[in-house]
Amino acid sequence: MSYLNYLDRLFPDGDWPGRLRVAKAAHLVAKGIDPKDAVKEVRSRKIFVDAVLAASDPVEHVLGVTGAEVSERARASALMSLSTMLLGHAAEVAFENIYADAMQTDEVELLDQREGRTDTDYILRNGKQRKLFRLNIKFFGSYFRRATDLVGLETGDCFPLATYKIFAATKKQEEQHLPYIFLIVGVQDLNAASLKDFLPMEALEFLALLKSSPKDGLHIRDVEDAIVANLRAEEHAAFNFAYSRIKQASWYVLSARRADNLLRELLFERVYAVRVKSFTSAFRNAEVDMHFSLQNDMMPLASFFEALKDQGIPMVTAMLERGTI
């Protein structure tokens, strides 16, 4: 399978990332561009470009791995990582549209912070450009099936959040004096397994090929971002399926302060890990989670927007800082 045309679709601006840039020379030459000009275009050395042009598959040559060498483990990893990113992006787009429909005001503005790939997705600021709140979206696609037995919550009313994320959010709020808000949305069984039949095979196979490569400098995250952006731009069934379900789901607001207060108050009831001897040994790679009730510990997102409009920003800010939201 040749991936040159696929890469051209993923990076329409022509800026192929990392090692993949030299493979672009083969694509340019195939379009009739002189090899000398192709060398200049991809900003590489002639010896490397000549090797790419002589290869039976330029992309496999650059990556140092063939499609036949891709393992099932790499394919499973590709499915998991691409599904996770697609669901996260669909949740972000859904939130932007929910926000636009609900607020319809110039008094506050939603600023996109996702490019930085930090723990902040958006900043809300007022008309005077002053930052108001820091927003972080948390999507979950499966429920804690033993929630009733282990943390005293109904299975469909339980959201797990890693304790270290609560600590980091609270610390950032204290240091920057900017309320930190988790935006929670969950859809049962919307996960890698449910997306497998929707995701295009060319995307999964190419990502698996990248993950199988022994070379460094591959910029895999940039490729994953480009695949997800392409699925959205082409209105692919995978993106549309995830987006429609997430947008129709129930959304909730949980401030970092309230999360921290509840963690301290209900530590032994809601953090199952602290009641288990050698938890990290028994459950390798598992996070130490605090479990929250969607209905009782959080505020519906629609109610939060109403509070902003009806009670005003100062009142809502005070409630967030106290942890009553």
Protein backbone atom coordinates (compact mmCIF):
# COMPACT_ATOMS: atom_id res chain seq x y z
CA MET A 1 0.00 0.00 0.00
CA SER A 2 1.44 3.38 -1.03
CA TYR A 3 0.93 6.16 1.47
CA LEU A 4 2.26 9.09 -0.57
CA ASN A 5 -1.18 10.26 -1.69
CA TYR A 6 -2.56 9.72 1.80
CA LEU A 7 0.19 11.88 3.31
CA ASP A 8 -0.58 14.55 0.73
CA ARG A 9 -4.20 14.56 1.98
CA LEU A 10 -3.12 14.67 5.63
CA PHE A 11 -0.78 17.61 5.10
CA PRO A 12 -2.37 19.79 2.39
CA ASP A 13 0.01 22.64 3.26
CA GLY A 14 2.85 20.43 2.04
CA ASP A 15 4.74 20.44 5.34
CA TRP A 16 5.22 16.73 6.02
CA PRO A 17 6.62 16.17 9.53
CA GLY A 18 9.93 14.70 10.62
CA ARG A 19 11.50 11.92 8.57
CA LEU A 20 8.44 11.73 6.35
CA ARG A 21 9.53 14.95 4.67
CA VAL A 22 12.18 13.20 2.57
CA ALA A 23 9.58 10.69 1.33
CA LYS A 24 7.70 13.62 -0.13
CA ALA A 25 10.40 13.85 -2.80
CA ALA A 26 9.01 10.73 -4.45
CA HIS A 27 5.54 12.29 -4.48
CA LEU A 28 6.88 15.46 -6.06
CA VAL A 29 8.83 13.62 -8.75
CA ALA A 30 5.77 11.51 -9.56
CA LYS A 31 3.93 14.78 -10.19
CA GLY A 32 6.58 15.81 -12.72
CA ILE A 33 8.88 17.95 -10.58
CA ASP A 34 12.57 17.74 -11.37
CA PRO A 35 14.50 15.64 -8.80
CA LYS A 36 16.91 18.54 -8.16
CA ASP A 37 13.99 20.78 -7.27
CA ALA A 38 12.52 18.02 -5.11
CA VAL A 39 15.76 17.92 -3.09
CA LYS A 40 15.42 21.63 -2.38
CA GLU A 41 11.70 21.34 -1.59
CA VAL A 42 12.15 18.64 1.06
CA ARG A 43 15.28 20.34 2.47
CA SER A 44 17.31 17.15 2.43
CA ARG A 45 20.53 15.85 0.85
CA LYS A 46 20.65 14.41 -2.66
CA ILE A 47 21.97 11.06 -1.43
CA PHE A 48 18.91 10.56 0.77
CA VAL A 49 16.47 11.65 -1.91
CA ASP A 50 18.12 9.34 -4.48
CA ALA A 51 17.65 6.42 -2.09
CA VAL A 52 13.98 7.32 -1.63
CA LEU A 53 13.43 7.57 -5.39
CA ALA A 54 15.05 4.17 -5.94
CA ALA A 55 12.98 2.44 -3.23
CA SER A 56 10.02 0.26 -4.15
CA ASP A 57 8.03 1.97 -1.38
CA PRO A 58 9.41 5.40 -0.37
CA VAL A 59 7.53 5.60 2.93
CA GLU A 60 8.54 2.12 4.07
CA HIS A 61 12.12 2.94 3.10
CA VAL A 62 12.14 6.10 5.21
CA LEU A 63 10.55 4.34 8.17
CA GLY A 64 12.77 1.29 7.94
CA VAL A 65 9.88 -1.16 8.20
CA THR A 66 7.53 -2.88 5.77
CA GLY A 67 3.82 -3.49 6.04
CA ALA A 68 4.51 -7.21 6.39
CA GLU A 69 6.53 -6.52 9.54
CA VAL A 70 3.76 -4.64 11.34
CA SER A 71 2.65 -6.55 14.43
CA GLU A 72 -0.85 -7.01 15.79
CA ARG A 73 0.34 -5.23 18.90
CA ALA A 74 1.19 -2.16 16.79
CA ARG A 75 -2.22 -2.34 15.12
CA ALA A 76 -3.94 -2.53 18.51
CA SER A 77 -1.90 0.45 19.71
CA ALA A 78 -2.84 2.40 16.57
CA LEU A 79 -6.54 1.69 17.11
CA MET A 80 -6.39 2.71 20.75
CA SER A 81 -4.43 5.93 20.27
CA LEU A 82 -6.36 7.07 17.21
CA SER A 83 -9.72 6.33 18.87
CA THR A 84 -8.70 8.20 22.01
CA MET A 85 -7.63 11.26 20.03
CA LEU A 86 -10.72 11.16 17.82
CA LEU A 87 -13.04 11.00 20.83
CA GLY A 88 -11.17 13.82 22.53
CA HIS A 89 -11.37 16.02 19.45
CA ALA A 90 -15.05 15.22 18.91
CA ALA A 91 -15.71 16.24 22.53
CA GLU A 92 -13.86 19.52 22.00
CA VAL A 93 -15.82 20.36 18.86
CA ALA A 94 -19.07 19.39 20.58
CA PHE A 95 -18.25 21.67 23.52
CA GLU A 96 -17.46 24.60 21.24
CA ASN A 97 -20.84 24.24 19.56
CA ILE A 98 -22.70 23.78 22.85
CA TYR A 99 -20.98 26.90 24.19
CA ALA A 100 -21.84 28.94 21.09
CA ASP A 101 -25.50 27.89 21.26
CA ALA A 102 -25.84 28.51 25.00
CA MET A 103 -23.94 31.74 25.60
CA GLN A 104 -24.52 33.96 22.54
CA THR A 105 -22.82 36.94 24.18
CA ASP A 106 -19.85 39.23 23.64
CA GLU A 107 -19.24 39.59 27.37
CA VAL A 108 -17.16 36.41 27.49
CA GLU A 109 -14.92 34.78 24.90
CA LEU A 110 -13.72 31.21 24.51
CA LEU A 111 -10.00 30.95 23.71
CA ASP A 112 -8.60 27.75 22.19
CA GLN A 113 -5.51 26.53 24.06
CA ARG A 114 -5.28 23.03 22.59
CA GLU A 115 -2.26 23.68 20.41
CA GLY A 116 -0.05 23.79 23.48
CA ARG A 117 -1.04 20.19 24.39
CA THR A 118 -1.19 21.00 28.08
CA ASP A 119 -3.82 20.31 30.73
CA THR A 120 -5.79 23.33 29.50
CA ASP A 121 -8.12 23.05 26.51
CA TYR A 122 -9.76 26.46 26.69
CA ILE A 123 -9.59 29.76 28.57
CA LEU A 124 -12.71 31.84 29.19
CA ARG A 125 -12.05 35.58 29.32
CA ASN A 126 -14.19 38.69 29.55
CA GLY A 127 -14.59 41.58 27.14
CA LYS A 128 -11.63 43.36 28.72
CA GLN A 129 -9.35 40.44 27.84
CA ARG A 130 -9.06 39.33 31.47
CA LYS A 131 -8.85 35.58 31.95
CA LEU A 132 -11.74 34.16 33.96
CA PHE A 133 -11.58 30.35 34.02
CA ARG A 134 -9.35 27.53 32.81
CA LEU A 135 -11.26 24.63 31.17
CA ASN A 136 -10.21 21.01 30.74
CA ILE A 137 -12.49 18.50 28.98
CA LYS A 138 -12.66 14.95 30.31
CA PHE A 139 -14.42 12.35 28.16
CA PHE A 140 -15.04 8.80 29.33
CA GLY A 141 -16.48 5.97 27.26
CA SER A 142 -17.00 3.23 29.81
CA TYR A 143 -18.48 2.98 33.28
CA PHE A 144 -16.95 1.56 36.45
CA ARG A 145 -19.00 -1.63 36.58
CA ARG A 146 -18.22 -2.39 40.23
CA ALA A 147 -18.88 1.16 41.36
CA THR A 148 -21.73 0.21 43.70
CA ASP A 149 -19.70 -2.41 45.54
CA LEU A 150 -16.39 -0.58 45.69
CA VAL A 151 -17.16 3.15 45.96
CA GLY A 152 -20.86 3.29 46.81
CA LEU A 153 -22.04 4.92 43.56
CA GLU A 154 -24.38 3.68 40.87
CA THR A 155 -22.53 2.39 37.82
CA GLY A 156 -24.07 4.99 35.52
CA ASP A 157 -23.46 7.81 38.00
CA CYS A 158 -19.74 7.40 38.55
CA PHE A 159 -16.85 9.32 37.02
CA PRO A 160 -13.23 8.44 37.89
CA LEU A 161 -10.59 11.17 37.95
CA ALA A 162 -6.94 10.54 38.75
CA THR A 163 -5.95 12.05 42.10
CA TYR A 164 -2.74 13.51 40.67
CA LYS A 165 -4.82 15.47 38.14
CA ILE A 166 -6.89 16.94 40.94
CA PHE A 167 -3.73 17.92 42.80
CA ALA A 168 -2.16 19.49 39.69
CA ALA A 169 -5.32 21.42 38.84
CA THR A 170 -5.71 22.76 42.37
CA LYS A 171 -2.05 23.76 42.54
CA LYS A 172 -2.29 25.59 39.21
CA GLN A 173 -5.42 27.41 40.39
CA GLU A 174 -3.68 28.56 43.57
CA GLU A 175 -0.54 29.69 41.76
CA GLN A 176 -2.31 31.57 38.98
CA HIS A 177 -5.44 32.69 40.87
CA LEU A 178 -7.54 31.39 38.01
CA PRO A 179 -10.42 28.96 38.71
CA TYR A 180 -9.81 25.57 37.10
CA ILE A 181 -12.82 23.68 35.76
CA PHE A 182 -13.19 20.08 34.60
CA LEU A 183 -15.86 19.63 31.92
CA ILE A 184 -17.14 16.05 32.17
CA VAL A 185 -18.98 14.09 29.48
CA GLY A 186 -19.45 10.34 29.18
CA VAL A 187 -21.04 8.00 26.66
CA GLN A 188 -21.33 4.34 27.57
CA ASP A 189 -19.42 2.02 25.22
CA LEU A 190 -18.14 4.80 22.98
CA ASN A 191 -14.56 3.60 22.77
CA ALA A 192 -11.97 1.96 20.52
CA ALA A 193 -14.07 -1.17 20.08
CA SER A 194 -17.12 0.77 18.92
CA LEU A 195 -15.05 2.90 16.51
CA LYS A 196 -13.07 0.05 14.96
CA ASP A 197 -15.50 -0.54 12.10
CA PHE A 198 -15.79 3.19 11.36
CA LEU A 199 -12.11 4.16 11.20
CA PRO A 200 -10.53 3.96 7.72
CA MET A 201 -8.11 1.08 7.26
CA GLU A 202 -5.52 3.31 5.55
CA ALA A 203 -5.32 5.46 8.68
CA LEU A 204 -4.95 2.51 11.05
CA GLU A 205 -2.42 0.70 8.87
CA PHE A 206 -0.30 3.80 8.36
CA LEU A 207 -0.30 4.63 12.06
CA ALA A 208 0.62 1.02 12.88
CA LEU A 209 3.48 1.26 10.38
CA LEU A 210 4.74 4.39 12.12
CA LYS A 211 4.53 2.73 15.53
CA SER A 212 6.51 -0.25 14.20
CA SER A 213 9.35 1.87 12.86
CA PRO A 214 12.72 1.60 14.62
CA LYS A 215 13.61 5.15 13.52
CA ASP A 216 13.35 8.24 15.67
CA GLY A 217 12.18 11.71 14.68
CA LEU A 218 8.82 10.47 13.39
CA HIS A 219 6.54 13.08 15.02
CA ILE A 220 3.81 10.46 15.50
CA ARG A 221 1.62 12.84 17.51
CA ASP A 222 1.61 15.32 14.60
CA VAL A 223 0.49 12.53 12.27
CA GLU A 224 -2.27 11.48 14.67
CA ASP A 225 -3.47 15.09 14.90
CA ALA A 226 -3.47 15.32 11.10
CA ILE A 227 -5.46 12.09 10.73
CA VAL A 228 -8.11 13.29 13.17
CA ALA A 229 -8.28 16.71 11.49
CA ASN A 230 -8.66 15.00 8.12
CA LEU A 231 -11.48 12.78 9.39
CA ARG A 232 -13.31 15.86 10.60
CA ALA A 233 -12.64 17.88 7.43
CA GLU A 234 -13.87 15.05 5.22
CA GLU A 235 -16.90 14.52 7.51
CA HIS A 236 -15.93 10.90 7.86
CA ALA A 237 -18.42 8.50 9.46
CA ALA A 238 -16.04 7.85 12.37
CA PHE A 239 -15.96 11.50 13.40
CA ASN A 240 -19.65 12.09 12.77
CA PHE A 241 -20.61 9.03 14.83
CA ALA A 242 -18.51 10.11 17.81
CA TYR A 243 -19.47 13.77 17.60
CA SER A 244 -23.23 13.19 17.43
CA ARG A 245 -23.25 10.90 20.45
CA ILE A 246 -21.03 13.16 22.54
CA LYS A 247 -22.93 16.34 21.71
CA GLN A 248 -26.24 14.72 22.74
CA ALA A 249 -24.82 13.38 26.00
CA SER A 250 -25.15 15.00 29.42
CA TRP A 251 -22.32 17.41 30.25
CA TYR A 252 -21.23 18.42 33.75
CA VAL A 253 -18.99 20.95 35.48
CA LEU A 254 -16.66 20.13 38.37
CA SER A 255 -14.30 22.75 39.76
CA ALA A 256 -10.83 21.75 40.87
CA ARG A 257 -11.60 23.18 44.31
CA ARG A 258 -14.73 21.07 44.73
CA ALA A 259 -12.91 17.99 43.46
CA ASP A 260 -10.17 18.58 46.02
CA ASN A 261 -12.67 19.18 48.85
CA LEU A 262 -14.56 15.97 48.05
CA LEU A 263 -11.34 14.01 47.74
CA ARG A 264 -10.29 15.03 51.23
CA GLU A 265 -13.76 14.44 52.67
CA LEU A 266 -14.45 11.07 51.03
CA LEU A 267 -10.96 9.70 50.55
CA PHE A 268 -11.53 6.23 51.96
CA GLU A 269 -15.07 5.90 50.61
CA ARG A 270 -14.37 7.00 47.04
CA VAL A 271 -10.68 6.17 46.41
CA TYR A 272 -10.73 2.40 46.25
CA ALA A 273 -6.96 2.20 45.75
CA VAL A 274 -6.15 3.43 49.29
CA ARG A 275 -8.05 0.47 50.75
CA VAL A 276 -6.11 -2.12 48.77
CA LYS A 277 -2.74 -3.40 49.92
CA SER A 278 -0.07 -3.06 47.22
CA PHE A 279 -2.59 -1.60 44.79
CA THR A 280 -0.03 -0.63 42.15
CA SER A 281 1.44 -4.13 42.22
CA ALA A 282 -1.95 -5.82 41.94
CA PHE A 283 -3.18 -3.43 39.22
CA ARG A 284 -0.16 -2.51 37.12
CA ASN A 285 -0.41 0.81 35.22
CA ALA A 286 -3.68 1.63 37.00
CA GLU A 287 -4.16 5.19 38.24
CA VAL A 288 -5.26 6.06 41.75
CA ASP A 289 -8.72 7.47 41.03
CA MET A 290 -11.20 9.51 43.01
CA HIS A 291 -14.78 8.65 42.02
CA PHE A 292 -17.42 11.35 41.71
CA SER A 293 -21.19 11.26 41.40
CA LEU A 294 -22.31 12.96 38.20
CA GLN A 295 -25.69 13.83 39.67
CA ASN A 296 -24.71 14.90 43.18
CA ASP A 297 -21.13 16.17 43.01
CA MET A 298 -21.33 18.18 39.80
CA MET A 299 -23.38 20.91 38.15
CA PRO A 300 -24.94 20.35 34.71
CA LEU A 301 -23.12 22.40 32.08
CA ALA A 302 -26.39 24.02 30.99
CA SER A 303 -26.97 25.22 34.58
CA PHE A 304 -23.43 26.61 34.69
CA PHE A 305 -24.05 28.66 31.57
CA GLU A 306 -27.33 29.91 33.03
CA ALA A 307 -25.55 30.92 36.23
CA LEU A 308 -22.98 32.89 34.24
CA LYS A 309 -25.71 34.80 32.45
CA ASP A 310 -28.13 35.26 35.36
CA GLN A 311 -25.86 35.59 38.43
CA GLY A 312 -22.86 37.12 36.71
CA ILE A 313 -19.19 36.33 36.47
CA PRO A 314 -18.16 37.60 39.98
CA MET A 315 -20.74 35.38 41.71
CA VAL A 316 -19.82 32.29 39.69
CA THR A 317 -16.11 32.96 40.26
CA ALA A 318 -16.67 33.08 44.00
CA MET A 319 -18.60 29.81 43.90
CA LEU A 320 -15.80 28.14 41.94
CA GLU A 321 -13.13 29.38 44.33
CA ARG A 322 -15.12 28.11 47.33
CA GLY A 323 -15.79 24.79 45.67
CA THR A 324 -19.58 24.99 45.71
CA ILE A 325 -19.60 24.23 41.97
